[in-house]
C-alpha atoms as a PDB file:
ATOM      1  CA  MET A   1      -7.501   0.218  73.198  1.00  0.00           C
ATOM      2  CA  THR A   2      -5.075  -2.595  73.511  1.00  0.00           C
ATOM      3  CA  ALA A   3      -6.242  -4.910  70.180  1.00  0.00           C
ATOM      4  CA  PRO A   4      -3.734  -6.668  68.809  1.00  0.00           C
ATOM      5  CA  SER A   5      -1.299  -5.227  66.078  1.00  0.00           C
ATOM      6  CA  SER A   6      -2.360  -7.366  62.791  1.00  0.00           C
ATOM      7  CA  ILE A   7      -3.401  -4.988  60.320  1.00  0.00           C
ATOM      8  CA  SER A   8      -1.459  -3.141  57.635  1.00  0.00           C
ATOM      9  CA  VAL A   9      -2.299  -0.217  56.950  1.00  0.00           C
ATOM     10  CA  THR A  10      -0.934   1.977  54.103  1.00  0.00           C
ATOM     11  CA  SER A  11      -1.771   5.131  51.801  1.00  0.00           C
ATOM     12  CA  ARG A  12      -1.074   6.205  48.231  1.00  0.00           C
ATOM     13  CA  ALA A  13      -0.851   9.442  49.139  1.00  0.00           C
ATOM     14  CA  PHE A  14       2.263   9.279  52.371  1.00  0.00           C
ATOM     15  CA  GLN A  15       4.809   6.544  54.238  1.00  0.00           C
ATOM     16  CA  ASP A  16       4.345   5.574  57.337  1.00  0.00           C
ATOM     17  CA  GLY A  17       6.835   8.099  59.217  1.00  0.00           C
ATOM     18  CA  GLY A  18       6.451  10.646  56.016  1.00  0.00           C
ATOM     19  CA  ARG A  19       5.022  13.556  55.966  1.00  0.00           C
ATOM     20  CA  ILE A  20       1.091  14.027  55.407  1.00  0.00           C
ATOM     21  CA  PRO A  21       0.839  15.887  52.272  1.00  0.00           C
ATOM     22  CA  THR A  22      -0.448  20.098  52.649  1.00  0.00           C
ATOM     23  CA  LYS A  23      -3.593  18.729  50.305  1.00  0.00           C
ATOM     24  CA  TYR A  24      -5.100  16.458  53.319  1.00  0.00           C
ATOM     25  CA  THR A  25      -4.259  19.116  56.051  1.00  0.00           C
ATOM     26  CA  CYS A  26      -6.139  22.774  57.430  1.00  0.00           C
ATOM     27  CA  ASP A  27      -3.540  24.497  55.122  1.00  0.00           C
ATOM     28  CA  GLY A  28      -4.772  22.803  52.017  1.00  0.00           C
ATOM     29  CA  ASP A  29      -8.323  21.175  50.726  1.00  0.00           C
ATOM     30  CA  ASP A  30      -8.687  19.428  54.179  1.00  0.00           C
ATOM     31  CA  VAL A  31     -10.026  16.364  52.734  1.00  0.00           C
ATOM     32  CA  SER A  32      -9.553  12.905  53.753  1.00  0.00           C
ATOM     33  CA  PRO A  33      -6.296  10.417  52.178  1.00  0.00           C
ATOM     34  CA  PRO A  34      -6.672   7.601  50.606  1.00  0.00           C
ATOM     35  CA  LEU A  35      -5.760   4.718  52.786  1.00  0.00           C
ATOM     36  CA  ALA A  36      -6.281   0.946  52.058  1.00  0.00           C
ATOM     37  CA  TRP A  37      -5.753  -2.076  54.922  1.00  0.00           C
ATOM     38  CA  LYS A  38      -5.342  -5.907  54.840  1.00  0.00           C
ATOM     39  CA  GLY A  39      -5.152  -8.730  57.722  1.00  0.00           C
ATOM     40  CA  VAL A  40      -8.671  -8.260  59.202  1.00  0.00           C
ATOM     41  CA  PRO A  41      -9.642 -10.885  61.065  1.00  0.00           C
ATOM     42  CA  PRO A  42     -12.186 -13.361  59.247  1.00  0.00           C
ATOM     43  CA  ASP A  43     -14.301 -13.483  62.371  1.00  0.00           C
ATOM     44  CA  ALA A  44     -14.495  -9.365  61.972  1.00  0.00           C
ATOM     45  CA  GLY A  45     -18.388  -8.243  62.405  1.00  0.00           C
ATOM     46  CA  SER A  46     -17.112  -4.451  61.295  1.00  0.00           C
ATOM     47  CA  LEU A  47     -14.431  -2.267  60.943  1.00  0.00           C
ATOM     48  CA  ALA A  48     -13.365   1.297  62.560  1.00  0.00           C
ATOM     49  CA  LEU A  49     -11.128   4.068  61.611  1.00  0.00           C
ATOM     50  CA  VAL A  50      -9.852   6.886  64.243  1.00  0.00           C
ATOM     51  CA  VAL A  51      -7.310   9.534  63.087  1.00  0.00           C
ATOM     52  CA  ASP A  52      -5.368  11.050  66.176  1.00  0.00           C
ATOM     53  CA  ASP A  53      -3.278  13.383  67.131  1.00  0.00           C
ATOM     54  CA  PRO A  54      -1.272  12.348  70.496  1.00  0.00           C
ATOM     55  CA  ASP A  55       0.833  15.990  70.629  1.00  0.00           C
ATOM     56  CA  ALA A  56      -2.047  17.821  70.761  1.00  0.00           C
ATOM     57  CA  PRO A  57      -1.090  20.746  73.532  1.00  0.00           C
ATOM     58  CA  ARG A  58      -4.381  19.826  75.458  1.00  0.00           C
ATOM     59  CA  GLY A  59      -3.983  16.240  75.381  1.00  0.00           C
ATOM     60  CA  THR A  60      -5.343  13.790  72.721  1.00  0.00           C
ATOM     61  CA  PHE A  61      -7.194  15.676  69.495  1.00  0.00           C
ATOM     62  CA  THR A  62      -9.513  13.279  67.735  1.00  0.00           C
ATOM     63  CA  HIS A  63      -9.479  14.365  64.518  1.00  0.00           C
ATOM     64  CA  TRP A  64     -12.311  11.632  62.586  1.00  0.00           C
ATOM     65  CA  VAL A  65     -14.061   8.507  63.623  1.00  0.00           C
ATOM     66  CA  VAL A  66     -15.520   6.416  61.074  1.00  0.00           C
ATOM     67  CA  PHE A  67     -17.217   3.199  62.551  1.00  0.00           C
ATOM     68  CA  ASP A  68     -19.583   0.779  61.171  1.00  0.00           C
ATOM     69  CA  LEU A  69     -17.627  -0.057  57.837  1.00  0.00           C
ATOM     70  CA  GLU A  70     -18.677  -3.752  56.514  1.00  0.00           C
ATOM     71  CA  PRO A  71     -16.149  -5.796  57.419  1.00  0.00           C
ATOM     72  CA  THR A  72     -15.198  -6.468  53.645  1.00  0.00           C
ATOM     73  CA  THR A  73     -14.232  -2.970  52.857  1.00  0.00           C
ATOM     74  CA  THR A  74     -10.427  -2.610  52.386  1.00  0.00           C
ATOM     75  CA  ALA A  75     -10.068   0.944  51.330  1.00  0.00           C
ATOM     76  CA  LEU A  76     -11.166   4.449  51.746  1.00  0.00           C
ATOM     77  CA  ASP A  77     -10.909   6.710  48.324  1.00  0.00           C
ATOM     78  CA  GLU A  78      -9.552  10.212  48.750  1.00  0.00           C
ATOM     79  CA  ALA A  79     -12.189  12.683  50.230  1.00  0.00           C
ATOM     80  CA  ARG A  80     -15.153   9.786  50.675  1.00  0.00           C
ATOM     81  CA  LEU A  81     -17.066   7.372  52.857  1.00  0.00           C
ATOM     82  CA  PRO A  82     -17.797   4.038  51.315  1.00  0.00           C
ATOM     83  CA  THR A  83     -21.426   3.689  50.870  1.00  0.00           C
ATOM     84  CA  GLY A  84     -23.728   1.019  53.405  1.00  0.00           C
ATOM     85  CA  ALA A  85     -23.642   1.333  56.816  1.00  0.00           C
ATOM     86  CA  ALA A  86     -20.527   3.637  57.463  1.00  0.00           C
ATOM     87  CA  LYS A  87     -21.127   6.247  60.555  1.00  0.00           C
ATOM     88  CA  GLN A  88     -19.050   9.309  61.738  1.00  0.00           C
ATOM     89  CA  ALA A  89     -18.710  10.234  65.429  1.00  0.00           C
ATOM     90  CA  LYS A  90     -18.463  14.144  66.264  1.00  0.00           C
ATOM     91  CA  ASN A  91     -14.570  14.805  66.398  1.00  0.00           C
ATOM     92  CA  SER A  92     -12.540  16.631  69.315  1.00  0.00           C
ATOM     93  CA  ALA A  93     -14.001  19.913  67.693  1.00  0.00           C
ATOM     94  CA  GLY A  94     -18.010  18.743  67.865  1.00  0.00           C
ATOM     95  CA  ARG A  95     -18.331  17.786  64.301  1.00  0.00           C
ATOM     96  CA  PRO A  96     -18.851  14.407  62.691  1.00  0.00           C
ATOM     97  CA  LYS A  97     -16.698  15.345  59.819  1.00  0.00           C
ATOM     98  CA  TYR A  98     -12.979  14.638  58.886  1.00  0.00           C
ATOM     99  CA  PHE A  99     -11.076  17.271  60.197  1.00  0.00           C
ATOM    100  CA  GLY A 100      -7.290  17.629  58.730  1.00  0.00           C
ATOM    101  CA  PRO A 101      -3.823  17.775  61.134  1.00  0.00           C
ATOM    102  CA  CYS A 102      -3.424  21.146  62.007  1.00  0.00           C
ATOM    103  CA  PRO A 103      -0.980  21.852  64.287  1.00  0.00           C
ATOM    104  CA  PRO A 104      -0.688  24.909  66.475  1.00  0.00           C
ATOM    105  CA  SER A 105       3.191  24.578  66.613  1.00  0.00           C
ATOM    106  CA  GLY A 106       5.775  22.074  65.965  1.00  0.00           C
ATOM    107  CA  THR A 107       5.766  18.534  64.238  1.00  0.00           C
ATOM    108  CA  HIS A 108       2.714  16.488  65.348  1.00  0.00           C
ATOM    109  CA  HIS A 109       2.428  12.656  65.072  1.00  0.00           C
ATOM    110  CA  TYR A 110      -1.469  11.806  62.936  1.00  0.00           C
ATOM    111  CA  ARG A 111      -2.390   8.645  63.693  1.00  0.00           C
ATOM    112  CA  PHE A 112      -4.830   6.578  61.132  1.00  0.00           C
ATOM    113  CA  THR A 113      -5.830   3.508  63.331  1.00  0.00           C
ATOM    114  CA  VAL A 114      -8.198   0.864  61.427  1.00  0.00           C
ATOM    115  CA  TYR A 115      -9.988  -1.533  64.167  1.00  0.00           C
ATOM    116  CA  ALA A 116     -11.502  -4.559  63.341  1.00  0.00           C
ATOM    117  CA  LEU A 117     -14.574  -5.075  65.716  1.00  0.00           C
ATOM    118  CA  SER A 118     -16.254  -8.539  66.969  1.00  0.00           C
ATOM    119  CA  GLU A 119     -19.674  -6.419  65.868  1.00  0.00           C
ATOM    120  CA  ALA A 120     -21.104  -2.675  64.711  1.00  0.00           C
ATOM    121  CA  THR A 121     -21.740  -0.599  67.675  1.00  0.00           C
ATOM    122  CA  GLY A 122     -25.226  -0.359  66.407  1.00  0.00           C
ATOM    123  CA  LEU A 123     -24.695   3.621  67.032  1.00  0.00           C
ATOM    124  CA  PRO A 124     -25.981   6.823  64.958  1.00  0.00           C
ATOM    125  CA  ASP A 125     -24.498   8.590  63.007  1.00  0.00           C
ATOM    126  CA  GLY A 126     -23.641  12.435  64.631  1.00  0.00           C
ATOM    127  CA  VAL A 127     -22.553  10.290  68.036  1.00  0.00           C
ATOM    128  CA  GLU A 128     -20.580  11.933  70.621  1.00  0.00           C
ATOM    129  CA  LEU A 129     -16.553  11.030  70.496  1.00  0.00           C
ATOM    130  CA  ASP A 130     -16.507   9.144  73.947  1.00  0.00           C
ATOM    131  CA  GLU A 131     -19.530   6.975  73.101  1.00  0.00           C
ATOM    132  CA  ALA A 132     -17.966   6.168  69.986  1.00  0.00           C
ATOM    133  CA  LEU A 133     -14.525   5.592  71.232  1.00  0.00           C
ATOM    134  CA  SER A 134     -15.911   3.518  74.233  1.00  0.00           C
ATOM    135  CA  ALA A 135     -17.784   1.286  71.443  1.00  0.00           C
ATOM    136  CA  ILE A 136     -14.865   0.555  69.540  1.00  0.00           C
ATOM    137  CA  ASP A 137     -12.503  -0.235  72.872  1.00  0.00           C
ATOM    138  CA  ASP A 138     -14.944  -2.766  73.999  1.00  0.00           C
ATOM    139  CA  ARG A 139     -15.538  -4.775  70.981  1.00  0.00           C
ATOM    140  CA  ALA A 140     -11.794  -4.390  69.244  1.00  0.00           C
ATOM    141  CA  LEU A 141      -9.887  -7.591  67.764  1.00  0.00           C
ATOM    142  CA  ALA A 142      -7.197  -6.789  66.209  1.00  0.00           C
ATOM    143  CA  ARG A 143      -6.040  -3.339  65.102  1.00  0.00           C
ATOM    144  CA  GLY A 144      -3.312  -1.622  62.598  1.00  0.00           C
ATOM    145  CA  ARG A 145      -1.580   2.060  62.233  1.00  0.00           C
ATOM    146  CA  LEU A 146      -0.307   4.270  59.770  1.00  0.00           C
ATOM    147  CA  THR A 147       1.207   7.354  61.420  1.00  0.00           C
ATOM    148  CA  GLY A 148       2.103  10.607  59.481  1.00  0.00           C
ATOM    149  CA  LEU A 149       3.639  13.966  59.952  1.00  0.00           C
ATOM    150  CA  TYR A 150       2.543  17.494  59.912  1.00  0.00           C
ATOM    151  CA  SER A 151       4.234  20.904  60.306  1.00  0.00           C
ATOM    152  CA  ARG A 152       3.555  24.515  60.238  1.00  0.00           C
END
């Protein structure tokens, strides 16, 4: 996904390049961390969030995909999706939900990437991961990323 990086993504829970608190991992409450962003282009028709781990032993593991967020959305609260059109795709574990960091060994990088899309995907809730990622890639106007680290 090669959209320009013009969106700034932050979290009250951890800094870019910092350690993700255990609460947001499989070793804690396994709830999504609070996220905020700014810099979404005014012509965005929708937003998406992809949380993945490029350090997974069998290739990138996608932990969470949220799509068709209203373009005026500027944050996600801890453990919540905003009301409205937001939907979730299946993650790499086959479930349409947040699956927190859970590395088998070593320190892994977890990328929280917000995408501004030209339009909503129109895909159903619980869609297959590959279909959702392809639709996001096809519509991406801009992106921003927050990377957190976690090890067990």
